Amino acid sequence: MKKIFVNFFIPLLIAALVGILLQNFVIESYKCNVTLMPDILNKGDYVFVNKIAKIKNGDIILINNTFADSETKNEEVFRRCVTEPGDTLLLKNAELFINRKHVANEHSKNLYRLLTFDTLSKYVVSKIFYPQLSTTATGMYAIALNNADAQKIKDNKLVKNMTTTHIPDGYNNTKNFPFSHEYRWNRDNFGAVIIPKKGSTVEINERTAPLYAQILKEENEDLIEQGNKYLINYTEIKEYTFKNDYYFVLNDNRLNEDDSRTWGFISEKQIIGKANIIWFSFDNQGINTNRIFHKLYN
């Protein structure tokens, strides 16, 4: 009896304990509840998230969303991390630049308008192009596409002309971070901005206060705000040294702004971990076997 206990129950107990430790401290499964990264993460995907992985540019990360103005407030959401702390980010006509270098993402989608030689029926549109095409005028359609799919449609003999559509540089949209007329940033033209890094120091003045107000409040419980002036221990601060690392995230579908363009910087404390693999998937048709143990990275 003792031999059975040693050979069977003790290994089983150890395996169970290891599983609990892995789930709580290293790897845990999370469900994707909404499709915001088409072709990458879809609603109904179950994803293993690594809680101890070092976060790098291009990683898909799970975030504890605590931003008040977000569509997904108080939810755990997946987004693509596009910077590391200390990086300089710029969006120029929807093209991403990190530290002045263009960063291509085969999955990112932008808005295109195409003009066809004739008005197409819904059947032709759905068969030749994509079902999400919307008609804006006679023979004119709008669609969100990645670069590869945009090239395929552009080469189609039915297409007369195809152009990208951007919000103009300098068009002020105060729903975008940092919610100030001082920064004329919008969905397609944003920055340049340096992502805060732990230990780095910045000046706090009328110009920079909107950028860092959110961080100052999060990192200092005794903060007092007086317009664009901030007091810690009742003393006005002229500069500030960050206590945490921060990141910037984007949706692959750049038309959806429920990301850092609306939220602001992502604290390291908000990051749950890095998404690694889709281990199970369920959609309207049932179990999606094509996505079981599907890798998120090449």
Protein backbone atom coordinates (compact mmCIF):
# COMPACT_ATOMS: atom_id res chain seq x y z
CA MET A 1 0.00 0.00 0.00
CA LYS A 2 2.83 2.34 0.91
CA LYS A 3 4.53 1.55 -2.40
CA ILE A 4 1.37 2.43 -4.33
CA PHE A 5 1.09 5.71 -2.45
CA VAL A 6 4.72 6.62 -3.16
CA ASN A 7 4.65 5.61 -6.81
CA PHE A 8 1.24 7.01 -7.75
CA PHE A 9 -0.22 9.59 -5.38
CA ILE A 10 2.96 11.54 -4.59
CA PRO A 11 3.82 12.16 -8.31
CA LEU A 12 0.18 13.08 -8.91
CA LEU A 13 0.26 15.54 -6.00
CA ILE A 14 3.51 17.07 -7.25
CA ALA A 15 2.09 17.43 -10.76
CA ALA A 16 -1.00 19.15 -9.35
CA LEU A 17 1.11 21.56 -7.29
CA VAL A 18 3.32 22.36 -10.30
CA GLY A 19 0.19 23.00 -12.36
CA ILE A 20 -1.18 25.40 -9.75
CA LEU A 21 2.14 27.24 -9.53
CA LEU A 22 2.39 27.51 -13.31
CA GLN A 23 -1.16 28.84 -13.59
CA ASN A 24 -0.82 31.44 -10.86
CA PHE A 25 2.74 32.63 -11.40
CA VAL A 26 4.02 31.70 -14.87
CA ILE A 27 1.42 30.69 -17.48
CA GLU A 28 -2.35 31.12 -17.42
CA SER A 29 -5.14 30.72 -19.94
CA TYR A 30 -7.30 33.69 -20.95
CA LYS A 31 -10.23 33.99 -23.32
CA CYS A 32 -10.36 36.62 -26.07
CA ASN A 33 -13.84 38.17 -25.83
CA VAL A 34 -13.76 40.50 -28.83
CA THR A 35 -12.12 40.51 -32.27
CA LEU A 36 -9.91 43.59 -32.44
CA MET A 37 -6.89 41.92 -34.04
CA PRO A 38 -8.39 40.11 -37.07
CA ASP A 39 -6.39 37.16 -38.41
CA ILE A 40 -4.38 37.14 -35.15
CA LEU A 41 -6.78 36.96 -32.20
CA ASN A 42 -10.47 36.35 -32.69
CA LYS A 43 -13.40 36.24 -30.32
CA GLY A 44 -13.56 32.78 -28.77
CA ASP A 45 -9.81 32.12 -28.83
CA TYR A 46 -8.28 30.72 -25.62
CA VAL A 47 -4.73 31.95 -25.19
CA PHE A 48 -1.82 30.93 -22.99
CA VAL A 49 -0.27 34.05 -21.43
CA ASN A 50 3.29 34.06 -20.09
CA LYS A 51 3.37 36.23 -16.96
CA ILE A 52 7.15 36.41 -16.61
CA ALA A 53 8.21 37.05 -20.21
CA LYS A 54 10.17 40.21 -21.01
CA ILE A 55 7.96 42.49 -23.10
CA LYS A 56 9.40 43.57 -26.46
CA ASN A 57 8.25 45.60 -29.47
CA GLY A 58 5.76 43.60 -31.52
CA ASP A 59 4.57 41.38 -28.66
CA ILE A 60 0.86 40.83 -28.14
CA ILE A 61 0.23 41.54 -24.46
CA LEU A 62 -2.68 41.16 -22.07
CA ILE A 63 -3.51 44.36 -20.18
CA ASN A 64 -5.61 45.09 -17.15
CA ASN A 65 -7.51 48.05 -18.60
CA THR A 66 -8.22 50.64 -15.91
CA PHE A 67 -8.64 53.68 -18.17
CA ALA A 68 -11.83 55.61 -17.44
CA ASP A 69 -12.59 56.69 -21.03
CA SER A 70 -12.00 53.28 -22.60
CA GLU A 71 -14.65 51.18 -24.34
CA THR A 72 -13.20 48.19 -22.49
CA LYS A 73 -12.74 49.69 -19.02
CA ASN A 74 -12.12 47.15 -16.24
CA GLU A 75 -11.58 44.37 -18.75
CA GLU A 76 -8.53 42.28 -19.54
CA VAL A 77 -7.70 43.08 -23.17
CA PHE A 78 -5.11 42.05 -25.76
CA ARG A 79 -3.15 44.72 -27.65
CA ARG A 80 0.10 44.86 -29.62
CA CYS A 81 2.99 46.48 -27.80
CA VAL A 82 4.87 48.78 -30.22
CA THR A 83 7.44 50.38 -27.90
CA GLU A 84 9.72 49.66 -25.01
CA PRO A 85 10.42 52.18 -22.22
CA GLY A 86 12.51 55.09 -23.47
CA ASP A 87 11.59 54.64 -27.14
CA THR A 88 10.42 57.57 -29.26
CA LEU A 89 7.13 56.93 -31.07
CA LEU A 90 5.69 58.71 -34.09
CA LEU A 91 2.63 57.95 -36.21
CA LYS A 92 2.80 59.78 -39.55
CA ASN A 93 -0.16 59.27 -41.89
CA ALA A 94 -0.86 55.98 -40.06
CA GLU A 95 2.70 54.73 -40.61
CA LEU A 96 4.55 53.80 -37.42
CA PHE A 97 8.07 55.02 -36.63
CA ILE A 98 10.03 53.95 -33.56
CA ASN A 99 13.25 55.80 -32.83
CA ARG A 100 12.96 57.35 -36.34
CA LYS A 101 12.86 53.95 -38.04
CA HIS A 102 9.81 52.82 -39.98
CA VAL A 103 8.17 49.76 -38.42
CA ALA A 104 6.16 47.61 -40.82
CA ASN A 105 3.46 45.30 -39.50
CA GLU A 106 1.95 42.90 -41.99
CA HIS A 107 -1.19 42.67 -39.87
CA SER A 108 -1.91 46.39 -39.32
CA LYS A 109 -4.94 47.70 -41.19
CA ASN A 110 -5.64 51.18 -42.52
CA LEU A 111 -8.58 52.76 -44.33
CA TYR A 112 -8.68 52.58 -48.13
CA ARG A 113 -11.13 54.03 -50.62
CA LEU A 114 -11.47 52.41 -54.01
CA LEU A 115 -13.24 53.57 -57.14
CA THR A 116 -14.49 50.87 -59.52
CA PHE A 117 -15.36 51.16 -63.20
CA ASP A 118 -18.99 50.42 -62.39
CA THR A 119 -21.22 49.95 -59.38
CA LEU A 120 -20.77 46.39 -58.16
CA SER A 121 -23.48 44.17 -56.77
CA LYS A 122 -23.18 43.02 -53.13
CA TYR A 123 -22.56 39.50 -54.42
CA VAL A 124 -19.65 40.60 -56.62
CA VAL A 125 -18.22 42.74 -53.83
CA SER A 126 -18.30 39.87 -51.32
CA LYS A 127 -16.86 37.34 -53.77
CA ILE A 128 -14.15 39.44 -55.39
CA PHE A 129 -13.21 41.70 -52.52
CA TYR A 130 -14.35 41.45 -48.91
CA PRO A 131 -17.81 41.36 -47.32
CA GLN A 132 -16.98 44.30 -45.04
CA LEU A 133 -16.78 46.72 -47.97
CA SER A 134 -19.13 49.66 -47.44
CA THR A 135 -20.50 51.86 -50.23
CA THR A 136 -19.77 55.57 -49.88
CA ALA A 137 -20.91 56.71 -53.35
CA THR A 138 -21.68 55.28 -56.79
CA GLY A 139 -18.84 52.95 -57.63
CA MET A 140 -16.87 53.97 -54.54
CA TYR A 141 -16.14 51.71 -51.56
CA ALA A 142 -14.33 51.96 -48.21
CA ILE A 143 -12.52 49.15 -46.42
CA ALA A 144 -9.90 48.49 -43.73
CA LEU A 145 -7.03 46.43 -45.20
CA ASN A 146 -3.49 45.35 -44.45
CA ASN A 147 -0.84 46.16 -47.05
CA ALA A 148 -0.83 42.72 -48.71
CA ASP A 149 -4.60 42.59 -49.19
CA ALA A 150 -4.63 46.21 -50.36
CA GLN A 151 -2.15 45.35 -53.11
CA LYS A 152 -4.28 42.39 -54.27
CA ILE A 153 -7.38 44.56 -54.59
CA LYS A 154 -5.44 47.39 -56.23
CA ASP A 155 -4.30 44.99 -58.94
CA ASN A 156 -7.86 43.83 -59.70
CA LYS A 157 -9.02 44.85 -63.20
CA LEU A 158 -12.35 46.13 -61.82
CA VAL A 159 -10.59 48.76 -59.69
CA LYS A 160 -10.08 52.14 -61.33
CA ASN A 161 -8.33 53.90 -58.46
CA MET A 162 -7.41 53.16 -54.86
CA THR A 163 -6.11 55.52 -52.19
CA THR A 164 -5.48 55.53 -48.45
CA THR A 165 -7.46 57.94 -46.30
CA HIS A 166 -5.93 59.66 -43.28
CA ILE A 167 -6.92 62.26 -40.75
CA PRO A 168 -4.73 65.27 -41.66
CA ASP A 169 -1.63 66.05 -39.63
CA GLY A 170 -2.42 68.87 -37.20
CA TYR A 171 -6.15 68.13 -37.04
CA ASN A 172 -6.88 68.48 -33.35
CA ASN A 173 -8.89 65.71 -31.74
CA THR A 174 -9.14 66.18 -27.97
CA LYS A 175 -10.53 62.67 -27.49
CA ASN A 176 -6.98 61.48 -28.18
CA PHE A 177 -4.31 61.43 -25.49
CA PRO A 178 -3.15 63.74 -23.94
CA PHE A 179 -6.57 65.45 -24.33
CA SER A 180 -5.09 68.91 -24.79
CA HIS A 181 -5.14 71.58 -27.51
CA GLU A 182 -1.41 71.87 -26.90
CA TYR A 183 -0.98 68.58 -28.76
CA ARG A 184 -2.66 68.46 -32.15
CA TRP A 185 -2.59 64.67 -32.35
CA ASN A 186 -5.13 62.30 -33.83
CA ARG A 187 -5.62 58.67 -34.88
CA ASP A 188 -3.26 58.79 -37.88
CA ASN A 189 -0.79 61.47 -36.82
CA PHE A 190 0.44 61.12 -33.27
CA GLY A 191 3.65 62.26 -31.56
CA ALA A 192 6.58 62.31 -31.61
CA VAL A 193 6.62 61.33 -27.93
CA ILE A 194 9.20 59.65 -25.68
CA ILE A 195 7.78 56.71 -23.72
CA PRO A 196 8.53 57.15 -19.98
CA LYS A 197 11.24 54.90 -18.55
CA LYS A 198 11.88 54.04 -14.91
CA GLY A 199 14.60 56.31 -13.53
CA SER A 200 14.42 58.88 -16.34
CA THR A 201 13.64 62.49 -15.43
CA VAL A 202 11.46 65.03 -17.27
CA GLU A 203 10.60 68.67 -16.77
CA ILE A 204 7.10 69.43 -15.48
CA ASN A 205 5.70 72.63 -16.96
CA GLU A 206 2.62 73.92 -18.75
CA ARG A 207 3.61 72.12 -21.95
CA THR A 208 4.52 68.73 -20.46
CA ALA A 209 1.93 68.55 -17.67
CA PRO A 210 -0.86 67.07 -19.89
CA LEU A 211 1.51 64.28 -21.01
CA TYR A 212 2.47 63.14 -17.53
CA ALA A 213 -0.53 64.11 -15.37
CA GLN A 214 -1.91 60.57 -15.45
CA ILE A 215 1.43 59.08 -14.35
CA LEU A 216 1.92 61.65 -11.59
CA LYS A 217 -1.46 60.74 -10.13
CA GLU A 218 -0.82 57.00 -10.34
CA GLU A 219 2.63 57.12 -8.78
CA ASN A 220 1.93 59.62 -5.98
CA GLU A 221 -0.95 59.24 -3.54
CA ASP A 222 -0.16 62.62 -1.92
CA LEU A 223 -0.23 64.53 -5.23
CA ILE A 224 -2.08 67.85 -5.28
CA GLU A 225 -3.12 69.26 -8.66
CA GLN A 226 -3.49 73.02 -9.20
CA GLY A 227 -4.20 73.66 -12.88
CA ASN A 228 -0.99 72.69 -14.69
CA LYS A 229 0.96 72.79 -11.43
CA TYR A 230 1.58 69.71 -9.30
CA LEU A 231 2.58 69.57 -5.64
CA ILE A 232 4.10 66.64 -3.76
CA ASN A 233 4.35 67.11 0.01
CA TYR A 234 2.89 70.59 -0.64
CA THR A 235 5.92 71.56 -2.74
CA GLU A 236 5.58 72.39 -6.43
CA ILE A 237 7.61 70.05 -8.62
CA LYS A 238 9.54 71.36 -11.63
CA GLU A 239 10.85 67.95 -12.70
CA TYR A 240 9.91 64.35 -12.05
CA THR A 241 11.69 60.97 -12.08
CA PHE A 242 9.52 58.03 -13.13
CA LYS A 243 9.09 55.16 -10.68
CA ASN A 244 7.84 52.62 -13.25
CA ASP A 245 8.42 51.58 -16.85
CA TYR A 246 5.76 52.40 -19.43
CA TYR A 247 4.73 51.09 -22.85
CA PHE A 248 2.60 52.11 -25.85
CA VAL A 249 0.10 49.72 -27.46
CA LEU A 250 -1.90 49.80 -30.72
CA ASN A 251 -4.70 47.80 -32.29
CA ASP A 252 -3.68 46.03 -35.49
CA ASN A 253 -6.82 47.57 -36.95
CA ARG A 254 -5.57 51.14 -36.64
CA LEU A 255 -9.07 52.51 -37.25
CA ASN A 256 -10.05 51.32 -33.76
CA GLU A 257 -8.54 53.80 -31.32
CA ASP A 258 -9.27 51.88 -28.12
CA ASP A 259 -5.55 51.74 -27.37
CA SER A 260 -2.77 54.07 -26.19
CA ARG A 261 -3.87 56.79 -28.62
CA THR A 262 -6.89 57.19 -26.34
CA TRP A 263 -5.63 55.73 -23.06
CA GLY A 264 -2.10 57.08 -22.81
CA PHE A 265 0.95 55.21 -21.53
CA ILE A 266 0.64 51.65 -20.22
CA SER A 267 2.27 51.04 -16.85
CA GLU A 268 4.28 47.85 -16.33
CA LYS A 269 1.89 47.18 -13.42
CA GLN A 270 -1.05 46.94 -15.84
CA ILE A 271 0.58 44.24 -17.96
CA ILE A 272 -0.52 40.71 -17.09
CA GLY A 273 1.80 39.02 -19.57
CA LYS A 274 2.70 38.12 -23.14
CA ALA A 275 0.30 36.09 -25.29
CA ASN A 276 2.09 33.01 -26.61
CA ILE A 277 -0.21 30.51 -28.28
CA ILE A 278 -3.89 29.87 -29.00
CA TRP A 279 -4.48 26.47 -27.40
CA PHE A 280 -8.23 26.25 -28.12
CA SER A 281 -10.80 28.17 -30.17
CA PHE A 282 -14.58 28.25 -30.34
CA ASP A 283 -16.70 30.25 -32.82
CA ASN A 284 -20.29 30.35 -34.10
CA GLN A 285 -19.72 27.10 -36.00
CA GLY A 286 -18.41 25.27 -32.92
CA ILE A 287 -14.84 24.20 -32.21
CA ASN A 288 -12.42 25.84 -34.66
CA THR A 289 -9.86 23.07 -35.13
CA ASN A 290 -7.75 25.22 -37.47
CA ARG A 291 -6.83 27.49 -34.57
CA ILE A 292 -6.04 24.87 -31.92
CA PHE A 293 -2.38 25.22 -30.84
CA HIS A 294 -1.99 28.07 -33.33
CA LYS A 295 1.22 30.09 -32.87
CA LEU A 296 0.91 33.86 -32.58
CA TYR A 297 4.46 34.50 -33.81
CA ASN A 298 6.52 33.09 -36.66
